[in-house]
Amino acid sequence: MLTMKKETVLKGESRIDGAIAESHRAEINSVDPVNMTITSVQVDKAAYKANRAACRADRAAFEDAAYELQEEMMAENKTTAKEAE
């Protein structure tokens, strides 16, 4: 049986001298935005290792943006649910 879900995806990259040191991705369930997954992957391990502080700061900023978007979506869903009643 086919099942589908609607998601909102947010992507970000930590770039060091033009190279992607780390890639970030957040997936938020559009129907139930309480469900969110955030992943970060080291793309250029040497660039990441040499610039950990900058990459960590980028990751923190990305997570802040993802949580902000999640909160906006949760507020919108509450409004939509109330309107449907």
PDB file of N, CA and C in Angstrom:
ATOM      1  N   MET A   1       0.843  -1.172   0.000  1.00  0.00           N
ATOM      2  CA  MET A   1       0.000   0.000   0.000  1.00  0.00           C
ATOM      3  C   MET A   1       0.896   1.245   0.000  1.00  0.00           C
ATOM      4  N   LEU A   2       0.564   2.167  -0.823  1.00  0.00           N
ATOM      5  CA  LEU A   2       1.309   3.429  -0.913  1.00  0.00           C
ATOM      6  C   LEU A   2       0.901   4.363   0.209  1.00  0.00           C
ATOM      7  N   THR A   3       1.886   4.882   0.897  1.00  0.00           N
ATOM      8  CA  THR A   3       1.634   5.933   1.875  1.00  0.00           C
ATOM      9  C   THR A   3       2.519   7.114   1.520  1.00  0.00           C
ATOM     10  N   MET A   4       1.998   8.297   1.732  1.00  0.00           N
ATOM     11  CA  MET A   4       2.746   9.504   1.406  1.00  0.00           C
ATOM     12  C   MET A   4       2.610  10.498   2.537  1.00  0.00           C
ATOM     13  N   LYS A   5       3.585  11.385   2.630  1.00  0.00           N
ATOM     14  CA  LYS A   5       3.495  12.477   3.586  1.00  0.00           C
ATOM     15  C   LYS A   5       4.126  13.709   2.955  1.00  0.00           C
ATOM     16  N   LYS A   6       3.622  14.836   3.363  1.00  0.00           N
ATOM     17  CA  LYS A   6       4.107  16.115   2.868  1.00  0.00           C
ATOM     18  C   LYS A   6       5.152  16.638   3.855  1.00  0.00           C
ATOM     19  N   GLU A   7       6.317  17.032   3.344  1.00  0.00           N
ATOM     20  CA  GLU A   7       7.377  17.545   4.197  1.00  0.00           C
ATOM     21  C   GLU A   7       7.895  18.872   3.662  1.00  0.00           C
ATOM     22  N   THR A   8       8.413  19.662   4.578  1.00  0.00           N
ATOM     23  CA  THR A   8       9.124  20.876   4.237  1.00  0.00           C
ATOM     24  C   THR A   8      10.593  20.594   4.533  1.00  0.00           C
ATOM     25  N   VAL A   9      11.465  20.929   3.590  1.00  0.00           N
ATOM     26  CA  VAL A   9      12.892  20.650   3.739  1.00  0.00           C
ATOM     27  C   VAL A   9      13.660  21.966   3.731  1.00  0.00           C
ATOM     28  N   LEU A  10      14.542  22.104   4.707  1.00  0.00           N
ATOM     29  CA  LEU A  10      15.429  23.259   4.813  1.00  0.00           C
ATOM     30  C   LEU A  10      16.847  22.734   4.677  1.00  0.00           C
ATOM     31  N   LYS A  11      17.652  23.345   3.804  1.00  0.00           N
ATOM     32  CA  LYS A  11      19.031  22.900   3.587  1.00  0.00           C
ATOM     33  C   LYS A  11      19.997  24.046   3.832  1.00  0.00           C
ATOM     34  N   GLY A  12      21.188  23.705   4.316  1.00  0.00           N
ATOM     35  CA  GLY A  12      22.228  24.703   4.534  1.00  0.00           C
ATOM     36  C   GLY A  12      23.596  24.083   4.347  1.00  0.00           C
ATOM     37  N   GLU A  13      24.588  24.920   4.120  1.00  0.00           N
ATOM     38  CA  GLU A  13      25.960  24.463   3.928  1.00  0.00           C
ATOM     39  C   GLU A  13      26.918  25.367   4.690  1.00  0.00           C
ATOM     40  N   SER A  14      27.898  24.754   5.324  1.00  0.00           N
ATOM     41  CA  SER A  14      28.996  25.496   5.939  1.00  0.00           C
ATOM     42  C   SER A  14      30.129  25.512   4.907  1.00  0.00           C
ATOM     43  N   ARG A  15      30.396  26.688   4.372  1.00  0.00           N
ATOM     44  CA  ARG A  15      31.441  26.800   3.338  1.00  0.00           C
ATOM     45  C   ARG A  15      32.691  27.454   3.922  1.00  0.00           C
ATOM     46  N   ILE A  16      33.824  26.861   3.609  1.00  0.00           N
ATOM     47  CA  ILE A  16      35.127  27.376   4.008  1.00  0.00           C
ATOM     48  C   ILE A  16      35.937  27.572   2.732  1.00  0.00           C
ATOM     49  N   ASP A  17      36.262  28.815   2.428  1.00  0.00           N
ATOM     50  CA  ASP A  17      37.012  29.142   1.199  1.00  0.00           C
ATOM     51  C   ASP A  17      36.385  28.495  -0.032  1.00  0.00           C
ATOM     52  N   GLY A  18      35.069  28.520  -0.106  1.00  0.00           N
ATOM     53  CA  GLY A  18      34.360  27.994  -1.266  1.00  0.00           C
ATOM     54  C   GLY A  18      34.059  26.506  -1.203  1.00  0.00           C
ATOM     55  N   ALA A  19      34.731  25.773  -0.319  1.00  0.00           N
ATOM     56  CA  ALA A  19      34.491  24.332  -0.200  1.00  0.00           C
ATOM     57  C   ALA A  19      33.391  24.084   0.833  1.00  0.00           C
ATOM     58  N   ILE A  20      32.564  23.100   0.574  1.00  0.00           N
ATOM     59  CA  ILE A  20      31.511  22.735   1.517  1.00  0.00           C
ATOM     60  C   ILE A  20      32.137  21.840   2.584  1.00  0.00           C
ATOM     61  N   ALA A  21      32.266  22.355   3.790  1.00  0.00           N
ATOM     62  CA  ALA A  21      32.832  21.579   4.892  1.00  0.00           C
ATOM     63  C   ALA A  21      31.777  20.685   5.527  1.00  0.00           C
ATOM     64  N   GLU A  22      30.552  21.209   5.649  1.00  0.00           N
ATOM     65  CA  GLU A  22      29.476  20.455   6.287  1.00  0.00           C
ATOM     66  C   GLU A  22      28.153  20.837   5.630  1.00  0.00           C
ATOM     67  N   SER A  23      27.286  19.849   5.481  1.00  0.00           N
ATOM     68  CA  SER A  23      25.967  20.054   4.892  1.00  0.00           C
ATOM     69  C   SER A  23      24.918  19.800   5.966  1.00  0.00           C
ATOM     70  N   HIS A  24      23.866  20.617   5.980  1.00  0.00           N
ATOM     71  CA  HIS A  24      22.810  20.518   6.992  1.00  0.00           C
ATOM     72  C   HIS A  24      21.463  20.350   6.289  1.00  0.00           C
ATOM     73  N   ARG A  25      20.597  19.567   6.919  1.00  0.00           N
ATOM     74  CA  ARG A  25      19.263  19.327   6.350  1.00  0.00           C
ATOM     75  C   ARG A  25      18.262  19.148   7.488  1.00  0.00           C
ATOM     76  N   ALA A  26      17.134  19.809   7.376  1.00  0.00           N
ATOM     77  CA  ALA A  26      16.034  19.638   8.323  1.00  0.00           C
ATOM     78  C   ALA A  26      14.794  19.252   7.533  1.00  0.00           C
ATOM     79  N   GLU A  27      14.129  18.203   7.984  1.00  0.00           N
ATOM     80  CA  GLU A  27      12.875  17.763   7.375  1.00  0.00           C
ATOM     81  C   GLU A  27      11.778  17.920   8.414  1.00  0.00           C
ATOM     82  N   ILE A  28      10.749  18.681   8.048  1.00  0.00           N
ATOM     83  CA  ILE A  28       9.636  18.938   8.959  1.00  0.00           C
ATOM     84  C   ILE A  28       8.360  18.397   8.326  1.00  0.00           C
ATOM     85  N   ASN A  29       7.657  17.564   9.062  1.00  0.00           N
ATOM     86  CA  ASN A  29       6.392  17.020   8.593  1.00  0.00           C
ATOM     87  C   ASN A  29       5.391  18.167   8.503  1.00  0.00           C
ATOM     88  N   SER A  30       4.870  18.420   7.312  1.00  0.00           N
ATOM     89  CA  SER A  30       3.970  19.555   7.109  1.00  0.00           C
ATOM     90  C   SER A  30       2.612  19.372   7.774  1.00  0.00           C
ATOM     91  N   VAL A  31       2.181  18.141   7.951  1.00  0.00           N
ATOM     92  CA  VAL A  31       0.894  17.876   8.583  1.00  0.00           C
ATOM     93  C   VAL A  31       1.023  17.936  10.100  1.00  0.00           C
ATOM     94  N   ASP A  32       2.125  17.435  10.606  1.00  0.00           N
ATOM     95  CA  ASP A  32       2.374  17.411  12.060  1.00  0.00           C
ATOM     96  C   ASP A  32       3.799  17.922  12.309  1.00  0.00           C
ATOM     97  N   PRO A  33       3.989  19.246  12.301  1.00  0.00           N
ATOM     98  CA  PRO A  33       5.335  19.819  12.377  1.00  0.00           C
ATOM     99  C   PRO A  33       6.093  19.545  13.667  1.00  0.00           C
ATOM    100  N   VAL A  34       5.442  18.913  14.646  1.00  0.00           N
ATOM    101  CA  VAL A  34       6.172  18.517  15.844  1.00  0.00           C
ATOM    102  C   VAL A  34       7.274  17.527  15.455  1.00  0.00           C
ATOM    103  N   ASN A  35       7.031  16.773  14.383  1.00  0.00           N
ATOM    104  CA  ASN A  35       8.006  15.797  13.904  1.00  0.00           C
ATOM    105  C   ASN A  35       9.012  16.458  12.967  1.00  0.00           C
ATOM    106  N   MET A  36      10.247  16.564  13.448  1.00  0.00           N
ATOM    107  CA  MET A  36      11.315  17.181  12.649  1.00  0.00           C
ATOM    108  C   MET A  36      12.589  16.362  12.830  1.00  0.00           C
ATOM    109  N   THR A  37      13.339  16.229  11.747  1.00  0.00           N
ATOM    110  CA  THR A  37      14.624  15.554  11.778  1.00  0.00           C
ATOM    111  C   THR A  37      15.682  16.522  11.263  1.00  0.00           C
ATOM    112  N   ILE A  38      16.764  16.668  12.022  1.00  0.00           N
ATOM    113  CA  ILE A  38      17.886  17.509  11.601  1.00  0.00           C
ATOM    114  C   ILE A  38      19.113  16.621  11.467  1.00  0.00           C
ATOM    115  N   THR A  39      19.783  16.721  10.311  1.00  0.00           N
ATOM    116  CA  THR A  39      21.014  15.973  10.111  1.00  0.00           C
ATOM    117  C   THR A  39      22.105  16.903   9.601  1.00  0.00           C
ATOM    118  N   SER A  40      23.333  16.589   9.992  1.00  0.00           N
ATOM    119  CA  SER A  40      24.503  17.309   9.497  1.00  0.00           C
ATOM    120  C   SER A  40      25.543  16.273   9.073  1.00  0.00           C
ATOM    121  N   VAL A  41      26.173  16.511   7.931  1.00  0.00           N
ATOM    122  CA  VAL A  41      27.157  15.579   7.384  1.00  0.00           C
ATOM    123  C   VAL A  41      28.420  16.347   7.043  1.00  0.00           C
ATOM    124  N   GLN A  42      29.558  15.842   7.482  1.00  0.00           N
ATOM    125  CA  GLN A  42      30.833  16.448   7.129  1.00  0.00           C
ATOM    126  C   GLN A  42      31.163  16.043   5.689  1.00  0.00           C
ATOM    127  N   VAL A  43      31.230  17.026   4.804  1.00  0.00           N
ATOM    128  CA  VAL A  43      31.484  16.764   3.397  1.00  0.00           C
ATOM    129  C   VAL A  43      32.990  16.776   3.125  1.00  0.00           C
ATOM    130  N   ASP A  44      33.660  17.819   3.543  1.00  0.00           N
ATOM    131  CA  ASP A  44      35.118  17.938   3.403  1.00  0.00           C
ATOM    132  C   ASP A  44      35.696  17.848   4.820  1.00  0.00           C
ATOM    133  N   LYS A  45      36.118  16.640   5.189  1.00  0.00           N
ATOM    134  CA  LYS A  45      36.540  16.400   6.563  1.00  0.00           C
ATOM    135  C   LYS A  45      37.745  17.234   6.972  1.00  0.00           C
ATOM    136  N   ALA A  46      38.667  17.478   6.061  1.00  0.00           N
ATOM    137  CA  ALA A  46      39.846  18.296   6.379  1.00  0.00           C
ATOM    138  C   ALA A  46      39.433  19.745   6.643  1.00  0.00           C
ATOM    139  N   ALA A  47      38.549  20.279   5.802  1.00  0.00           N
ATOM    140  CA  ALA A  47      38.068  21.653   5.995  1.00  0.00           C
ATOM    141  C   ALA A  47      37.263  21.756   7.287  1.00  0.00           C
ATOM    142  N   TYR A  48      36.465  20.732   7.575  1.00  0.00           N
ATOM    143  CA  TYR A  48      35.689  20.730   8.817  1.00  0.00           C
ATOM    144  C   TYR A  48      36.615  20.714  10.022  1.00  0.00           C
ATOM    145  N   LYS A  49      37.581  19.809   9.999  1.00  0.00           N
ATOM    146  CA  LYS A  49      38.488  19.653  11.137  1.00  0.00           C
ATOM    147  C   LYS A  49      39.278  20.929  11.403  1.00  0.00           C
ATOM    148  N   ALA A  50      39.702  21.597  10.340  1.00  0.00           N
ATOM    149  CA  ALA A  50      40.492  22.823  10.482  1.00  0.00           C
ATOM    150  C   ALA A  50      39.637  24.017  10.902  1.00  0.00           C
ATOM    151  N   ASN A  51      38.318  23.899  10.764  1.00  0.00           N
ATOM    152  CA  ASN A  51      37.413  25.022  11.036  1.00  0.00           C
ATOM    153  C   ASN A  51      36.220  24.596  11.875  1.00  0.00           C
ATOM    154  N   ARG A  52      36.462  23.775  12.875  1.00  0.00           N
ATOM    155  CA  ARG A  52      35.371  23.242  13.697  1.00  0.00           C
ATOM    156  C   ARG A  52      34.527  24.331  14.344  1.00  0.00           C
ATOM    157  N   ALA A  53      35.172  25.361  14.862  1.00  0.00           N
ATOM    158  CA  ALA A  53      34.410  26.410  15.559  1.00  0.00           C
ATOM    159  C   ALA A  53      33.431  27.090  14.607  1.00  0.00           C
ATOM    160  N   ALA A  54      33.887  27.404  13.395  1.00  0.00           N
ATOM    161  CA  ALA A  54      33.012  28.055  12.413  1.00  0.00           C
ATOM    162  C   ALA A  54      31.881  27.111  11.997  1.00  0.00           C
ATOM    163  N   CYS A  55      32.206  25.837  11.814  1.00  0.00           N
ATOM    164  CA  CYS A  55      31.180  24.865  11.421  1.00  0.00           C
ATOM    165  C   CYS A  55      30.163  24.666  12.537  1.00  0.00           C
ATOM    166  N   ARG A  56      30.619  24.637  13.771  1.00  0.00           N
ATOM    167  CA  ARG A  56      29.692  24.500  14.901  1.00  0.00           C
ATOM    168  C   ARG A  56      28.773  25.713  15.005  1.00  0.00           C
ATOM    169  N   ALA A  57      29.333  26.885  14.762  1.00  0.00           N
ATOM    170  CA  ALA A  57      28.509  28.102  14.789  1.00  0.00           C
ATOM    171  C   ALA A  57      27.465  28.065  13.672  1.00  0.00           C
ATOM    172  N   ASP A  58      27.876  27.606  12.487  1.00  0.00           N
ATOM    173  CA  ASP A  58      26.935  27.471  11.371  1.00  0.00           C
ATOM    174  C   ASP A  58      25.845  26.462  11.706  1.00  0.00           C
ATOM    175  N   ARG A  59      26.226  25.334  12.314  1.00  0.00           N
ATOM    176  CA  ARG A  59      25.245  24.315  12.679  1.00  0.00           C
ATOM    177  C   ARG A  59      24.241  24.873  13.684  1.00  0.00           C
ATOM    178  N   ALA A  60      24.730  25.629  14.663  1.00  0.00           N
ATOM    179  CA  ALA A  60      23.838  26.225  15.660  1.00  0.00           C
ATOM    180  C   ALA A  60      22.873  27.210  15.001  1.00  0.00           C
ATOM    181  N   ALA A  61      23.377  28.024  14.070  1.00  0.00           N
ATOM    182  CA  ALA A  61      22.521  28.984  13.362  1.00  0.00           C
ATOM    183  C   ALA A  61      21.489  28.246  12.508  1.00  0.00           C
ATOM    184  N   PHE A  62      21.908  27.140  11.877  1.00  0.00           N
ATOM    185  CA  PHE A  62      20.980  26.350  11.072  1.00  0.00           C
ATOM    186  C   PHE A  62      19.878  25.761  11.949  1.00  0.00           C
ATOM    187  N   GLU A  63      20.268  25.190  13.096  1.00  0.00           N
ATOM    188  CA  GLU A  63      19.275  24.615  14.003  1.00  0.00           C
ATOM    189  C   GLU A  63      18.302  25.675  14.500  1.00  0.00           C
ATOM    190  N   ASP A  64      18.804  26.867  14.805  1.00  0.00           N
ATOM    191  CA  ASP A  64      17.919  27.959  15.231  1.00  0.00           C
ATOM    192  C   ASP A  64      16.896  28.276  14.142  1.00  0.00           C
ATOM    193  N   ALA A  65      17.359  28.343  12.888  1.00  0.00           N
ATOM    194  CA  ALA A  65      16.458  28.637  11.768  1.00  0.00           C
ATOM    195  C   ALA A  65      15.432  27.516  11.592  1.00  0.00           C
ATOM    196  N   ALA A  66      15.867  26.269  11.734  1.00  0.00           N
ATOM    197  CA  ALA A  66      14.959  25.133  11.583  1.00  0.00           C
ATOM    198  C   ALA A  66      13.890  25.147  12.679  1.00  0.00           C
ATOM    199  N   TYR A  67      14.297  25.394  13.925  1.00  0.00           N
ATOM    200  CA  TYR A  67      13.322  25.435  15.016  1.00  0.00           C
ATOM    201  C   TYR A  67      12.358  26.614  14.854  1.00  0.00           C
ATOM    202  N   GLU A  68      12.855  27.732  14.337  1.00  0.00           N
ATOM    203  CA  GLU A  68      11.979  28.883  14.094  1.00  0.00           C
ATOM    204  C   GLU A  68      10.918  28.531  13.052  1.00  0.00           C
ATOM    205  N   LEU A  69      11.355  27.881  11.971  1.00  0.00           N
ATOM    206  CA  LEU A  69      10.415  27.464  10.929  1.00  0.00           C
ATOM    207  C   LEU A  69       9.412  26.456  11.494  1.00  0.00           C
ATOM    208  N   GLN A  70       9.888  25.520  12.296  1.00  0.00           N
ATOM    209  CA  GLN A  70       9.003  24.533  12.905  1.00  0.00           C
ATOM    210  C   GLN A  70       7.939  25.207  13.762  1.00  0.00           C
ATOM    211  N   GLU A  71       8.346  26.177  14.569  1.00  0.00           N
ATOM    212  CA  GLU A  71       7.390  26.888  15.424  1.00  0.00           C
ATOM    213  C   GLU A  71       6.362  27.647  14.598  1.00  0.00           C
ATOM    214  N   GLU A  72       6.798  28.263  13.496  1.00  0.00           N
ATOM    215  CA  GLU A  72       5.863  28.963  12.605  1.00  0.00           C
ATOM    216  C   GLU A  72       4.840  27.982  12.030  1.00  0.00           C
ATOM    217  N   MET A  73       5.327  26.823  11.598  1.00  0.00           N
ATOM    218  CA  MET A  73       4.433  25.827  11.008  1.00  0.00           C
ATOM    219  C   MET A  73       3.460  25.279  12.052  1.00  0.00           C
ATOM    220  N   MET A  74       3.924  25.090  13.280  1.00  0.00           N
ATOM    221  CA  MET A  74       3.049  24.607  14.342  1.00  0.00           C
ATOM    222  C   MET A  74       1.957  25.639  14.635  1.00  0.00           C
ATOM    223  N   ALA A  75       2.318  26.916  14.653  1.00  0.00           N
ATOM    224  CA  ALA A  75       1.332  27.978  14.888  1.00  0.00           C
ATOM    225  C   ALA A  75       0.316  28.020  13.744  1.00  0.00           C
ATOM    226  N   GLU A  76       0.777  27.865  12.498  1.00  0.00           N
ATOM    227  CA  GLU A  76      -0.125  27.858  11.349  1.00  0.00           C
ATOM    228  C   GLU A  76      -1.081  26.672  11.429  1.00  0.00           C
ATOM    229  N   ASN A  77      -0.580  25.521  11.818  1.00  0.00           N
ATOM    230  CA  ASN A  77      -1.439  24.334  11.907  1.00  0.00           C
ATOM    231  C   ASN A  77      -2.493  24.497  12.990  1.00  0.00           C
ATOM    232  N   LYS A  78      -2.159  25.145  14.095  1.00  0.00           N
ATOM    233  CA  LYS A  78      -3.161  25.400  15.142  1.00  0.00           C
ATOM    234  C   LYS A  78      -4.259  26.295  14.607  1.00  0.00           C
ATOM    235  N   THR A  79      -3.864  27.337  13.869  1.00  0.00           N
ATOM    236  CA  THR A  79      -4.850  28.259  13.289  1.00  0.00           C
ATOM    237  C   THR A  79      -5.729  27.521  12.303  1.00  0.00           C
ATOM    238  N   THR A  80      -5.120  26.711  11.433  1.00  0.00           N
ATOM    239  CA  THR A  80      -5.877  25.952  10.426  1.00  0.00           C
ATOM    240  C   THR A  80      -6.832  24.960  11.098  1.00  0.00           C
ATOM    241  N   ALA A  81      -6.365  24.296  12.146  1.00  0.00           N
ATOM    242  CA  ALA A  81      -7.226  23.340  12.856  1.00  0.00           C
ATOM    243  C   ALA A  81      -8.416  24.026  13.498  1.00  0.00           C
ATOM    244  N   LYS A  82      -8.201  25.206  14.068  1.00  0.00           N
ATOM    245  CA  LYS A  82      -9.298  25.962  14.701  1.00  0.00           C
ATOM    246  C   LYS A  82     -10.303  26.412  13.640  1.00  0.00           C
ATOM    247  N   GLU A  83      -9.793  26.843  12.464  1.00  0.00           N
ATOM    248  CA  GLU A  83     -10.687  27.300  11.393  1.00  0.00           C
ATOM    249  C   GLU A  83     -11.538  26.167  10.868  1.00  0.00           C
ATOM    250  N   ALA A  84     -11.019  24.938  10.898  1.00  0.00           N
ATOM    251  CA  ALA A  84     -11.742  23.787  10.373  1.00  0.00           C
ATOM    252  C   ALA A  84     -12.858  23.326  11.316  1.00  0.00           C
ATOM    253  N   GLU A  85     -12.798  23.724  12.582  1.00  0.00           N
ATOM    254  CA  GLU A  85     -13.821  23.287  13.539  1.00  0.00           C
ATOM    255  C   GLU A  85     -15.157  23.944  13.322  1.00  0.00           C
TER     256      GLU A  85
END
